[in-house]
Amino acid sequence: MKWMGRFAGYNAAAFRKDLVSGLIVGIIAIPLGMAFAIASGVKPEYGLYTTIIAGILISLLGGSKFQIGGPTGAFIPILFAIVMQYGYENLLIAGIMAGLMLVLMGVFKLGALIKFIPRPVTIGFTAGIAVIIFSGQVANFLGLSGIEKHEDFWSNMKEIGMHISTINIYSLLTAGICLAVLLFVPKFAPKVPASLAGLILSTLVAAFFFEGQVATIGSSFGAIPGALPQFHIPEITWARVVNLLQPAFVIAMLGGIESLLSAVVADGMTGTRHNSNRELIGQGIANMVTPLFGGIPATGAIARTATNIKSGAVSPLSGVIHGIVVLLVLVLFAPYASHIPLASMAPVLMLVAWNMSERRSFMHIMKTKTSDSLVLLITFLLTVFTSLTTAVEVGLILAVLLFVKRMSEMMKVAKVLPDPDHKHEKVMAHMVQEGHDCPQISMYTIEGPLFFGAADMFEKSVMDSIHRRPGILLLRMGKVPFMDTTGEANLSSLVKHFKRSGGMILFSGVQAQPVEMMGKTGLMERIHPDHMFEHTGEAINYALQHLNHQKCIGCKHFAFRECAVLSQEDAVAGRKSLLEPTS
């Protein structure tokens, strides 16, 4: 019923809009599907299979009305590394496992959690992936021969340097023609798919003028079959599953992040709202089915989704039509695709890398010169020079540590005394200094979250009150929005030691979350109900009443002048002591 709700009020006019947008996106997806597959180290037809099957399933089962799914540039370094290390058959198994993980994420409603990945980490690894994609196409652009592909960036750059003398002028001209079309067609004919136009024109030029001089898809990978492959279940063993857990998890996480980012972009363009958990389930099912037909992992494609919306899409049917268009092209025109030069595919991927590089956001964050800049730079460098897995892990850990540091710096503990002119309601921290204090009551204002990162500061700041043993300790906690179990443990220890020394501890202004935490841990039961106050003034009045029968001799500050035990003689003596030098 929820799925049918996305077609509420659907009519012939809406179908025509979906038909047009599906046709446009389908045409755009054809060269991208092949290019992404080749860059990932597999045959070009596998990218088309992914575009067809995953594209249709993601549109039908996902949580966004406008999502276009398929192979994407973000997956290229991950899939290439898996193919190099484990082989194509194991890539299919990893894809199925990743699909299952995505389904479980959606079932357990983890879609919202993926959104909490810090933006510097996301931009860092996206920009790093863009660099890898761009640099990976330099050899094809220049037509270098004898190139051996490696997993790491440095080795690939060394290969290019060692074989730079093998530049093929015909490949360079072919790539240049395609690049020129990609750059100028959007300016003068924005409705024409630039990537398809560039491939067709450069392929025709190479076929007629450079025949046999430029490497093509057919000469490098063989002819492209004109139909979908037969259904095939890879041989899945327990040993393979264990061995592929890490790459499968990386595929699942990256796929989840990319699909939800794409859905958020679609929401911003249309004013709609996607269902993140359903989107993960749809992505998961698509990735479980696609490898059974030889396809590679897929996710939401931001650029194609945006094109789908700009072309007038109304419903998920546009995504289904986009997959059908690719299928028809595969069946009818597959033999012609074999003549596409690899040099023509290189500019297409280079432009994809340039567009996905997040260069403006990258520079914006770097200009802030904050901890976010450090997280961004480290994630970017590790993505390029090590691996995406390492980059994301280190980036997340670093982001968390720096966040904890910032939160701990927000914790402020100040010893205070009430202003005598405001009947104990106003409390001024600057009033407490050496020789300007009350030995019977210690009062502290606590600001910021009381959690494990700030526990040490809290303990050092307040525990000195226990050693001086004032009669009453008042903690003003109106500016403590959050308390975790570590903060509660420190507070509980303080209450325990203070009560053991015969003192009384009062609280004022405690917010809802700390009260809830204190209730769950049993700390609230150890605190007398009469010792919790909404306002500081009430707590002070209670403290003064408690001290009513005690002698507050030595109190050199008169914020507590209502204290009944302060006689006029004591007050005069106290005033004089302020003027006399201390021994």
Protein backbone atom coordinates (compact mmCIF):
# COMPACT_ATOMS: atom_id res chain seq x y z
CA MET A 1 0.00 0.00 0.00
CA LYS A 2 2.85 2.39 0.82
CA TRP A 3 4.46 1.56 -2.54
CA MET A 4 1.21 2.23 -4.38
CA GLY A 5 0.89 5.52 -2.50
CA ARG A 6 3.76 6.87 -4.58
CA PHE A 7 1.52 6.56 -7.66
CA ALA A 8 -1.51 8.30 -6.14
CA GLY A 9 -3.23 10.42 -8.79
CA TYR A 10 -1.03 9.02 -11.55
CA ASN A 11 -2.34 9.72 -15.07
CA ALA A 12 -1.37 9.76 -18.74
CA ALA A 13 0.31 13.18 -18.49
CA ALA A 14 2.48 11.95 -15.62
CA PHE A 15 3.39 8.85 -17.63
CA ARG A 16 4.54 10.97 -20.57
CA LYS A 17 6.82 12.96 -18.24
CA ASP A 18 8.25 9.74 -16.76
CA LEU A 19 8.74 8.33 -20.26
CA VAL A 20 10.74 11.36 -21.40
CA SER A 21 12.87 11.55 -18.24
CA GLY A 22 13.46 7.78 -18.24
CA LEU A 23 14.58 7.91 -21.87
CA ILE A 24 17.00 10.78 -21.23
CA VAL A 25 18.53 9.24 -18.11
CA GLY A 26 18.74 5.82 -19.80
CA ILE A 27 20.76 7.26 -22.67
CA ILE A 28 23.07 9.03 -20.22
CA ALA A 29 23.50 5.86 -18.15
CA ILE A 30 24.74 3.72 -21.06
CA PRO A 31 28.25 5.17 -21.48
CA LEU A 32 28.59 5.70 -17.72
CA GLY A 33 27.67 2.09 -16.96
CA MET A 34 30.34 0.77 -19.33
CA ALA A 35 32.94 3.30 -18.18
CA PHE A 36 32.42 2.54 -14.50
CA ALA A 37 32.68 -1.20 -15.14
CA ILE A 38 35.91 -0.86 -17.13
CA ALA A 39 37.43 1.39 -14.46
CA SER A 40 36.42 -1.15 -11.80
CA GLY A 41 38.42 -3.85 -13.57
CA VAL A 42 35.52 -5.84 -15.09
CA LYS A 43 34.00 -6.13 -18.56
CA PRO A 44 31.87 -3.21 -19.80
CA GLU A 45 28.71 -5.28 -20.20
CA TYR A 46 28.65 -5.94 -16.44
CA GLY A 47 28.08 -2.22 -15.92
CA LEU A 48 25.10 -2.37 -18.31
CA TYR A 49 23.66 -5.41 -16.50
CA THR A 50 23.92 -3.48 -13.23
CA THR A 51 22.25 -0.42 -14.73
CA ILE A 52 19.33 -2.50 -15.98
CA ILE A 53 18.61 -4.79 -13.03
CA ALA A 54 19.67 -2.64 -10.09
CA GLY A 55 18.18 0.46 -11.70
CA ILE A 56 14.74 -1.14 -12.01
CA LEU A 57 14.75 -2.75 -8.54
CA ILE A 58 15.98 0.37 -6.72
CA SER A 59 13.24 2.45 -8.33
CA LEU A 60 10.54 -0.08 -7.47
CA LEU A 61 11.65 -0.99 -3.92
CA GLY A 62 13.56 2.05 -2.66
CA GLY A 63 12.38 4.85 -0.41
CA SER A 64 12.78 7.76 -2.86
CA LYS A 65 10.39 8.54 -5.72
CA PHE A 66 13.15 9.88 -7.94
CA GLN A 67 16.22 7.79 -7.13
CA ILE A 68 18.18 6.45 -10.12
CA GLY A 69 20.37 3.53 -9.15
CA GLY A 70 23.26 1.84 -10.89
CA PRO A 71 27.05 1.62 -10.90
CA THR A 72 28.72 4.82 -9.68
CA GLY A 73 32.15 6.38 -9.64
CA ALA A 74 32.36 6.16 -5.86
CA PHE A 75 32.62 2.37 -6.08
CA ILE A 76 35.48 2.31 -8.59
CA PRO A 77 38.51 2.13 -6.24
CA ILE A 78 36.73 -0.31 -3.92
CA LEU A 79 35.61 -2.68 -6.66
CA PHE A 80 38.91 -2.48 -8.49
CA ALA A 81 40.80 -3.40 -5.31
CA ILE A 82 38.45 -6.34 -4.67
CA VAL A 83 38.81 -7.63 -8.24
CA MET A 84 42.60 -7.33 -8.03
CA GLN A 85 42.81 -9.10 -4.67
CA TYR A 86 39.92 -11.58 -4.73
CA GLY A 87 38.79 -11.91 -8.35
CA TYR A 88 35.51 -11.24 -10.17
CA GLU A 89 33.63 -14.25 -8.77
CA ASN A 90 34.36 -13.15 -5.22
CA LEU A 91 33.27 -9.61 -6.11
CA LEU A 92 29.82 -11.03 -6.91
CA ILE A 93 29.69 -12.79 -3.53
CA ALA A 94 30.82 -9.63 -1.74
CA GLY A 95 28.05 -7.76 -3.55
CA ILE A 96 25.42 -10.24 -2.34
CA MET A 97 26.74 -10.02 1.22
CA ALA A 98 26.72 -6.22 1.06
CA GLY A 99 23.12 -6.34 -0.16
CA LEU A 100 22.14 -8.49 2.82
CA MET A 101 23.86 -6.06 5.18
CA LEU A 102 21.95 -3.15 3.66
CA VAL A 103 18.65 -4.99 4.08
CA LEU A 104 19.47 -5.65 7.74
CA MET A 105 20.39 -1.98 8.23
CA GLY A 106 17.02 -0.99 6.87
CA VAL A 107 15.10 -3.61 8.87
CA PHE A 108 16.76 -2.48 12.10
CA LYS A 109 16.12 1.17 11.16
CA LEU A 110 19.76 2.22 10.98
CA GLY A 111 19.15 4.56 8.05
CA ALA A 112 19.21 7.63 10.26
CA LEU A 113 22.56 6.65 11.82
CA ILE A 114 24.41 6.76 8.50
CA LYS A 115 23.45 10.42 8.23
CA PHE A 116 25.55 11.15 11.33
CA ILE A 117 28.82 10.49 9.51
CA PRO A 118 30.66 13.85 9.72
CA ARG A 119 30.61 15.93 6.56
CA PRO A 120 34.43 16.40 6.51
CA VAL A 121 34.81 12.60 6.39
CA THR A 122 32.28 12.27 3.54
CA ILE A 123 33.81 15.10 1.52
CA GLY A 124 37.33 13.85 2.25
CA PHE A 125 36.84 10.35 0.90
CA THR A 126 34.67 11.59 -2.00
CA ALA A 127 37.40 14.00 -3.10
CA GLY A 128 39.98 11.24 -2.68
CA ILE A 129 37.93 8.87 -4.84
CA ALA A 130 37.68 11.61 -7.49
CA VAL A 131 41.49 11.90 -7.57
CA ILE A 132 41.84 8.12 -7.96
CA ILE A 133 39.28 8.00 -10.80
CA PHE A 134 40.84 10.95 -12.62
CA SER A 135 44.41 9.68 -12.32
CA GLY A 136 43.30 6.19 -13.32
CA GLN A 137 42.19 7.46 -16.74
CA VAL A 138 45.39 9.29 -17.64
CA ALA A 139 46.87 6.19 -19.31
CA ASN A 140 43.79 5.66 -21.52
CA PHE A 141 43.61 9.37 -22.37
CA LEU A 142 47.23 9.34 -23.55
CA GLY A 143 46.97 5.88 -25.10
CA LEU A 144 49.94 4.53 -23.13
CA SER A 145 50.87 0.93 -23.81
CA GLY A 146 52.38 -1.72 -21.52
CA ILE A 147 50.64 -0.30 -18.47
CA GLU A 148 50.18 -2.69 -15.55
CA LYS A 149 47.42 -1.67 -13.16
CA HIS A 150 47.99 -1.70 -9.41
CA GLU A 151 45.81 -1.19 -6.34
CA ASP A 152 47.70 1.77 -4.91
CA PHE A 153 47.98 5.31 -6.24
CA TRP A 154 51.79 5.60 -6.15
CA SER A 155 52.37 2.42 -8.14
CA ASN A 156 49.93 3.55 -10.84
CA MET A 157 51.63 6.94 -11.06
CA LYS A 158 55.01 5.21 -11.39
CA GLU A 159 53.62 3.08 -14.23
CA ILE A 160 52.49 6.20 -16.06
CA GLY A 161 55.89 7.83 -15.54
CA MET A 162 57.75 4.74 -16.77
CA HIS A 163 55.63 4.46 -19.93
CA ILE A 164 55.09 8.14 -20.73
CA SER A 165 57.23 7.72 -23.85
CA THR A 166 54.58 5.41 -25.37
CA ILE A 167 52.01 8.21 -25.89
CA ASN A 168 49.68 7.44 -28.79
CA ILE A 169 48.90 10.62 -30.70
CA TYR A 170 45.77 9.05 -32.19
CA SER A 171 44.41 8.18 -28.75
CA LEU A 172 45.23 11.69 -27.58
CA LEU A 173 43.31 13.23 -30.49
CA THR A 174 40.35 10.89 -29.94
CA ALA A 175 40.21 11.75 -26.25
CA GLY A 176 40.56 15.45 -27.06
CA ILE A 177 37.58 15.36 -29.42
CA CYS A 178 35.41 13.63 -26.81
CA LEU A 179 36.52 16.09 -24.11
CA ALA A 180 35.72 19.07 -26.34
CA VAL A 181 32.20 17.73 -26.93
CA LEU A 182 31.73 17.15 -23.19
CA LEU A 183 32.71 20.74 -22.43
CA PHE A 184 30.89 22.59 -25.22
CA VAL A 185 27.67 20.63 -25.82
CA PRO A 186 26.15 21.52 -22.40
CA LYS A 187 26.69 25.22 -23.20
CA PHE A 188 25.22 25.26 -26.71
CA ALA A 189 22.84 22.25 -26.67
CA PRO A 190 21.99 21.55 -23.00
CA LYS A 191 19.26 19.03 -23.86
CA VAL A 192 21.69 16.76 -25.74
CA PRO A 193 23.38 14.07 -23.57
CA ALA A 194 26.98 15.29 -23.79
CA SER A 195 28.63 12.00 -22.81
CA LEU A 196 26.74 10.04 -25.48
CA ALA A 197 27.42 12.70 -28.12
CA GLY A 198 31.11 12.74 -27.22
CA LEU A 199 31.40 8.96 -27.44
CA ILE A 200 29.59 8.77 -30.80
CA LEU A 201 31.55 11.60 -32.45
CA SER A 202 34.97 10.50 -31.20
CA THR A 203 34.20 6.86 -32.09
CA LEU A 204 33.24 7.85 -35.65
CA VAL A 205 36.41 9.93 -36.05
CA ALA A 206 38.57 7.08 -34.74
CA ALA A 207 36.81 4.50 -36.96
CA PHE A 208 37.20 6.52 -40.15
CA PHE A 209 40.57 8.22 -39.64
CA PHE A 210 42.48 6.22 -37.01
CA GLU A 211 41.33 2.68 -37.78
CA GLY A 212 43.48 0.13 -35.99
CA GLN A 213 45.51 2.85 -34.25
CA VAL A 214 43.39 3.24 -31.11
CA ALA A 215 42.49 0.56 -28.51
CA THR A 216 38.74 -0.10 -28.35
CA ILE A 217 36.36 -1.96 -26.02
CA GLY A 218 36.27 -4.83 -28.50
CA SER A 219 40.06 -5.11 -28.85
CA SER A 220 40.55 -4.95 -25.07
CA PHE A 221 37.54 -6.86 -23.68
CA GLY A 222 35.97 -8.66 -26.63
CA ALA A 223 32.53 -8.16 -28.16
CA ILE A 224 29.65 -7.08 -25.90
CA PRO A 225 26.87 -9.71 -25.78
CA GLY A 226 23.47 -8.48 -26.96
CA ALA A 227 21.45 -9.97 -24.09
CA LEU A 228 21.38 -10.41 -20.34
CA PRO A 229 23.46 -13.32 -19.00
CA GLN A 230 21.81 -16.40 -17.59
CA PHE A 231 20.87 -16.58 -13.93
CA HIS A 232 23.86 -17.93 -11.99
CA ILE A 233 24.44 -18.37 -8.27
CA PRO A 234 28.13 -18.02 -7.34
CA GLU A 235 29.68 -20.80 -5.30
CA ILE A 236 29.34 -19.48 -1.75
CA THR A 237 31.39 -21.18 0.94
CA TRP A 238 31.88 -20.31 4.59
CA ALA A 239 35.58 -19.63 3.99
CA ARG A 240 34.72 -17.16 1.24
CA VAL A 241 32.12 -15.45 3.40
CA VAL A 242 34.59 -14.94 6.25
CA ASN A 243 37.29 -13.75 3.85
CA LEU A 244 34.96 -11.24 2.21
CA LEU A 245 33.36 -9.76 5.34
CA GLN A 246 35.47 -6.60 5.34
CA PRO A 247 35.12 -5.73 1.62
CA ALA A 248 31.39 -6.52 1.79
CA PHE A 249 30.97 -4.21 4.77
CA VAL A 250 32.84 -1.42 2.96
CA ILE A 251 30.57 -1.85 -0.08
CA ALA A 252 27.48 -1.79 2.15
CA MET A 253 28.54 1.33 4.06
CA LEU A 254 29.59 3.25 0.96
CA GLY A 255 26.44 2.15 -0.88
CA GLY A 256 24.27 3.21 2.04
CA ILE A 257 25.96 6.60 2.36
CA GLU A 258 25.83 7.35 -1.36
CA SER A 259 22.21 6.26 -1.76
CA LEU A 260 21.00 8.35 1.19
CA LEU A 261 23.02 11.37 0.04
CA SER A 262 21.43 11.05 -3.37
CA ALA A 263 17.97 10.74 -1.80
CA VAL A 264 18.61 13.88 0.28
CA VAL A 265 19.62 15.77 -2.88
CA ALA A 266 16.38 14.60 -4.52
CA ASP A 267 14.40 15.79 -1.50
CA GLY A 268 15.99 19.21 -1.72
CA MET A 269 15.19 19.52 -5.43
CA THR A 270 11.57 18.36 -5.18
CA GLY A 271 10.45 19.29 -1.67
CA THR A 272 9.62 15.64 -0.93
CA ARG A 273 10.87 13.39 1.84
CA HIS A 274 12.35 9.94 1.34
CA ASN A 275 12.16 6.93 3.66
CA SER A 276 15.78 6.18 4.55
CA ASN A 277 15.18 2.69 5.94
CA ARG A 278 13.08 1.62 2.97
CA GLU A 279 15.76 3.05 0.69
CA LEU A 280 18.38 0.84 2.34
CA ILE A 281 16.14 -2.21 1.98
CA GLY A 282 15.55 -1.47 -1.70
CA GLN A 283 19.27 -0.93 -2.30
CA GLY A 284 20.02 -4.15 -0.43
CA ILE A 285 17.61 -6.29 -2.46
CA ALA A 286 18.95 -4.81 -5.70
CA ASN A 287 22.52 -5.66 -4.70
CA MET A 288 21.53 -9.19 -3.73
CA VAL A 289 19.83 -9.86 -7.09
CA THR A 290 22.16 -8.03 -9.49
CA PRO A 291 25.24 -10.28 -8.93
CA LEU A 292 23.09 -13.30 -9.87
CA PHE A 293 23.11 -11.86 -13.40
CA GLY A 294 26.78 -10.86 -13.38
CA GLY A 295 26.25 -7.27 -12.24
CA ILE A 296 28.49 -5.30 -9.91
CA PRO A 297 27.41 -3.41 -6.75
CA ALA A 298 25.14 -0.43 -7.28
CA THR A 299 23.90 2.56 -5.34
CA GLY A 300 22.01 5.81 -5.85
CA ALA A 301 23.60 7.97 -8.54
CA ILE A 302 23.40 11.65 -7.56
CA ALA A 303 24.02 13.12 -11.03
CA ARG A 304 21.56 10.79 -12.80
CA THR A 305 18.96 11.33 -10.07
CA ALA A 306 19.29 15.09 -10.48
CA THR A 307 18.97 14.72 -14.26
CA ASN A 308 15.90 12.58 -13.76
CA ILE A 309 14.24 15.31 -11.70
CA LYS A 310 15.25 18.12 -14.07
CA SER A 311 13.82 16.11 -16.97
CA GLY A 312 10.38 16.14 -15.34
CA ALA A 313 10.14 12.78 -13.57
CA VAL A 314 6.96 12.31 -11.55
CA SER A 315 7.26 8.81 -10.06
CA PRO A 316 9.60 5.80 -9.68
CA LEU A 317 8.40 4.64 -13.10
CA SER A 318 10.99 6.92 -14.71
CA GLY A 319 13.72 4.80 -13.10
CA VAL A 320 12.11 1.62 -14.38
CA ILE A 321 11.91 3.10 -17.89
CA HIS A 322 15.58 4.12 -17.66
CA GLY A 323 16.51 0.48 -17.02
CA ILE A 324 14.32 -0.74 -19.91
CA VAL A 325 15.94 1.79 -22.27
CA VAL A 326 19.40 0.45 -21.41
CA LEU A 327 18.15 -3.12 -21.97
CA LEU A 328 16.79 -2.23 -25.43
CA VAL A 329 20.05 -0.54 -26.38
CA LEU A 330 22.00 -3.59 -25.16
CA VAL A 331 19.88 -5.95 -27.27
CA LEU A 332 19.77 -3.79 -30.40
CA PHE A 333 23.12 -1.98 -30.51
CA ALA A 334 25.62 -4.06 -28.49
CA PRO A 335 27.83 -4.91 -31.52
CA TYR A 336 28.40 -1.20 -32.22
CA ALA A 337 29.48 -0.51 -28.64
CA SER A 338 32.51 -2.73 -29.14
CA HIS A 339 33.99 -0.07 -31.45
CA ILE A 340 34.10 2.63 -28.75
CA PRO A 341 37.73 3.64 -28.08
CA LEU A 342 39.04 3.47 -24.52
CA ALA A 343 40.42 6.95 -25.11
CA SER A 344 36.82 8.15 -25.60
CA MET A 345 35.76 6.67 -22.26
CA ALA A 346 38.61 8.40 -20.38
CA PRO A 347 37.29 12.00 -20.65
CA VAL A 348 33.83 10.83 -19.58
CA LEU A 349 35.23 9.41 -16.35
CA MET A 350 37.54 12.37 -15.83
CA LEU A 351 34.58 14.73 -16.03
CA VAL A 352 32.66 12.51 -13.60
CA ALA A 353 35.62 12.72 -11.21
CA TRP A 354 35.78 16.50 -11.56
CA ASN A 355 32.05 16.88 -10.86
CA MET A 356 32.10 14.59 -7.82
CA SER A 357 35.24 16.10 -6.31
CA GLU A 358 33.33 18.44 -3.94
CA ARG A 359 36.07 21.00 -4.62
CA ARG A 360 34.05 24.00 -3.43
CA SER A 361 33.02 22.32 -0.18
CA PHE A 362 36.58 21.02 0.23
CA MET A 363 38.09 24.51 0.00
CA HIS A 364 35.36 26.02 2.17
CA ILE A 365 36.13 23.63 5.04
CA MET A 366 39.88 24.02 4.61
CA LYS A 367 39.55 27.82 4.89
CA THR A 368 37.95 27.48 8.32
CA LYS A 369 41.27 26.13 9.71
CA THR A 370 39.45 24.17 12.39
CA SER A 371 39.57 20.56 13.54
CA ASP A 372 37.18 19.79 10.68
CA SER A 373 39.90 20.92 8.27
CA LEU A 374 42.28 18.39 9.83
CA VAL A 375 39.73 15.56 9.59
CA LEU A 376 39.01 16.45 5.96
CA LEU A 377 42.67 16.59 4.93
CA ILE A 378 43.64 13.34 6.66
CA THR A 379 40.63 11.46 5.25
CA PHE A 380 41.43 12.76 1.77
CA LEU A 381 45.13 11.85 1.91
CA LEU A 382 44.49 8.40 3.35
CA THR A 383 41.88 7.70 0.66
CA VAL A 384 44.37 8.54 -2.07
CA PHE A 385 47.50 6.98 -0.62
CA THR A 386 46.18 4.01 1.38
CA SER A 387 42.59 2.78 1.04
CA LEU A 388 39.04 3.99 1.50
CA THR A 389 38.58 1.59 4.43
CA THR A 390 41.56 3.00 6.31
CA ALA A 391 40.56 6.58 5.46
CA VAL A 392 37.00 6.27 6.73
CA GLU A 393 38.04 4.42 9.90
CA VAL A 394 40.76 6.93 10.79
CA GLY A 395 38.59 9.88 9.76
CA LEU A 396 35.69 8.77 11.95
CA ILE A 397 37.93 8.05 14.95
CA LEU A 398 39.70 11.38 14.59
CA ALA A 399 36.39 13.23 14.21
CA VAL A 400 35.03 11.60 17.35
CA LEU A 401 38.16 12.36 19.38
CA LEU A 402 38.21 16.00 18.28
CA PHE A 403 34.49 16.29 19.01
CA VAL A 404 35.02 14.90 22.51
CA LYS A 405 37.86 17.38 23.00
CA ARG A 406 35.65 20.29 21.93
CA MET A 407 32.84 19.14 24.19
CA SER A 408 35.19 18.73 27.14
CA GLU A 409 36.44 22.28 26.61
CA MET A 410 32.85 23.48 26.95
CA MET A 411 32.77 22.16 30.53
CA LYS A 412 33.23 25.01 32.98
CA VAL A 413 33.17 24.70 36.76
CA ALA A 414 33.22 28.01 38.64
CA LYS A 415 33.02 28.57 42.39
CA VAL A 416 30.48 31.28 43.09
CA LEU A 417 28.73 33.27 45.81
CA PRO A 418 25.36 34.99 45.64
CA ASP A 419 25.09 38.72 45.06
CA PRO A 420 23.95 40.35 48.36
CA ASP A 421 21.86 42.90 46.45
CA HIS A 422 19.68 40.34 44.71
CA LYS A 423 18.40 38.17 47.51
CA HIS A 424 20.43 35.13 46.56
CA GLU A 425 18.92 34.82 43.06
CA LYS A 426 21.91 36.24 41.19
CA VAL A 427 25.22 34.41 41.49
CA MET A 428 28.52 35.94 40.49
CA ALA A 429 31.57 33.75 39.87
CA HIS A 430 34.08 36.61 40.11
CA MET A 431 33.15 37.24 43.75
CA VAL A 432 35.11 34.26 45.01
CA GLN A 433 38.80 34.79 45.52
CA GLU A 434 41.42 34.26 48.19
CA GLY A 435 40.22 35.65 51.51
CA HIS A 436 36.81 36.36 50.06
CA ASP A 437 34.82 33.20 50.71
CA CYS A 438 32.42 31.43 53.04
CA PRO A 439 33.78 28.35 54.83
CA GLN A 440 30.33 26.92 55.58
CA ILE A 441 28.86 26.80 52.07
CA SER A 442 30.61 26.02 48.81
CA MET A 443 28.66 26.81 45.68
CA TYR A 444 29.65 25.80 42.12
CA THR A 445 28.13 26.61 38.75
CA ILE A 446 28.63 23.79 36.24
CA GLU A 447 28.27 24.53 32.52
CA GLY A 448 28.44 22.10 29.61
CA PRO A 449 27.87 18.37 29.15
CA LEU A 450 29.01 16.22 32.07
CA PHE A 451 30.43 13.21 30.20
CA PHE A 452 33.56 11.08 30.05
CA GLY A 453 35.55 13.75 28.21
CA ALA A 454 34.92 16.33 30.94
CA ALA A 455 34.87 14.05 33.98
CA ASP A 456 38.47 14.79 34.98
CA MET A 457 37.91 18.56 34.96
CA PHE A 458 34.75 18.20 37.03
CA GLU A 459 36.48 16.00 39.60
CA LYS A 460 39.52 18.27 39.99
CA SER A 461 37.39 21.40 40.24
CA VAL A 462 34.89 20.22 42.83
CA MET A 463 36.66 17.56 44.88
CA ASP A 464 38.70 20.21 46.72
CA SER A 465 35.47 21.10 48.53
CA ILE A 466 35.48 17.67 50.16
CA HIS A 467 38.98 18.19 51.56
CA ARG A 468 38.03 21.60 53.01
CA ARG A 469 34.80 20.03 54.32
CA PRO A 470 32.30 22.89 54.17
CA GLY A 471 28.97 22.15 55.80
CA ILE A 472 27.01 22.45 52.58
CA LEU A 473 27.91 21.98 48.91
CA LEU A 474 25.52 23.48 46.33
CA LEU A 475 25.82 22.48 42.67
CA ARG A 476 24.05 24.71 40.15
CA MET A 477 23.41 22.45 37.14
CA GLY A 478 20.97 24.48 35.08
CA LYS A 479 23.50 24.63 32.20
CA VAL A 480 24.29 20.90 32.10
CA PRO A 481 22.24 19.60 29.13
CA PHE A 482 23.63 16.06 29.13
CA MET A 483 25.15 13.54 31.51
CA ASP A 484 26.50 10.09 30.63
CA THR A 485 27.30 7.19 32.96
CA THR A 486 30.88 8.41 33.50
CA GLY A 487 29.67 11.83 34.53
CA GLU A 488 27.04 10.22 36.76
CA ALA A 489 29.69 8.00 38.36
CA ASN A 490 31.82 11.05 39.22
CA LEU A 491 28.81 12.86 40.62
CA SER A 492 27.78 9.78 42.60
CA SER A 493 31.29 9.49 44.05
CA LEU A 494 31.13 13.14 45.06
CA VAL A 495 27.78 12.66 46.80
CA LYS A 496 29.03 9.54 48.56
CA HIS A 497 32.25 11.12 49.90
CA PHE A 498 30.61 14.40 50.86
CA LYS A 499 27.84 12.69 52.82
CA ARG A 500 30.40 10.41 54.49
CA SER A 501 32.27 13.48 55.77
CA GLY A 502 29.03 14.69 57.37
CA GLY A 503 28.25 17.38 54.79
CA MET A 504 25.07 18.14 52.88
CA ILE A 505 24.94 18.37 49.08
CA LEU A 506 22.22 20.36 47.30
CA PHE A 507 21.31 20.60 43.61
CA SER A 508 19.52 23.35 41.70
CA GLY A 509 18.16 23.66 38.17
CA VAL A 510 18.96 20.07 37.11
CA GLN A 511 17.69 19.48 33.56
CA ALA A 512 15.52 16.57 32.39
CA GLN A 513 18.20 14.32 30.86
CA PRO A 514 20.56 14.40 33.89
CA VAL A 515 17.55 13.79 36.17
CA GLU A 516 16.58 10.79 34.05
CA MET A 517 20.14 9.43 34.14
CA MET A 518 20.35 9.90 37.91
CA GLY A 519 17.05 8.08 38.26
CA LYS A 520 18.15 5.11 36.12
CA THR A 521 21.41 4.65 38.03
CA GLY A 522 19.83 4.98 41.49
CA LEU A 523 21.69 8.18 42.35
CA MET A 524 18.41 10.01 42.81
CA GLU A 525 17.48 7.59 45.60
CA ARG A 526 20.69 8.45 47.48
CA ILE A 527 19.90 12.16 47.29
CA HIS A 528 17.29 13.42 49.74
CA PRO A 529 14.20 14.66 47.82
CA ASP A 530 14.36 17.94 49.74
CA HIS A 531 17.86 18.55 48.38
CA MET A 532 16.75 19.04 44.76
CA PHE A 533 15.64 22.59 43.89
CA GLU A 534 14.37 24.25 40.77
CA HIS A 535 15.95 27.61 41.56
CA THR A 536 19.25 28.53 43.24
CA GLY A 537 17.59 31.03 45.57
CA GLU A 538 15.44 28.28 47.06
CA ALA A 539 18.53 26.14 47.65
CA ILE A 540 20.35 29.01 49.39
CA ASN A 541 17.40 29.73 51.67
CA TYR A 542 17.28 26.05 52.59
CA ALA A 543 21.04 26.10 53.33
CA LEU A 544 20.71 29.19 55.53
CA GLN A 545 17.90 27.62 57.51
CA HIS A 546 20.08 24.56 58.05
CA LEU A 547 22.90 26.77 59.31
CA ASN A 548 20.54 28.73 61.56
CA HIS A 549 21.84 27.06 64.70
CA GLN A 550 25.48 26.97 63.68
CA LYS A 551 27.97 29.76 64.09
CA CYS A 552 29.33 31.04 60.81
CA ILE A 553 32.38 32.77 62.39
CA GLY A 554 35.10 33.60 59.86
CA CYS A 555 32.71 34.27 56.99
CA LYS A 556 34.39 37.31 55.45
CA HIS A 557 31.79 37.93 52.75
CA PHE A 558 28.30 39.24 53.43
CA ALA A 559 26.32 37.57 50.69
CA PHE A 560 24.98 35.43 53.54
CA ARG A 561 24.00 38.41 55.73
CA GLU A 562 20.52 36.97 56.29
CA CYS A 563 22.19 34.11 58.14
CA ALA A 564 20.62 34.39 61.60
CA VAL A 565 23.81 33.38 63.39
CA LEU A 566 25.81 36.33 62.09
CA SER A 567 25.64 38.80 64.93
CA GLN A 568 26.25 42.46 64.35
CA GLU A 569 29.57 42.13 66.22
CA ASP A 570 30.61 39.29 63.91
CA ALA A 571 29.72 41.40 60.91
CA VAL A 572 31.82 44.32 62.18
CA ALA A 573 34.72 41.96 62.92
CA GLY A 574 34.37 40.50 59.47
CA ARG A 575 34.48 43.91 57.81
CA LYS A 576 37.62 44.85 59.80
CA SER A 577 39.35 41.60 58.84
CA LEU A 578 39.00 42.50 55.20
CA LEU A 579 41.08 45.64 55.83
CA GLU A 580 43.72 44.02 58.04
CA PRO A 581 46.75 42.25 56.56
CA THR A 582 46.73 38.51 56.98
CA SER A 583 49.47 36.85 58.96
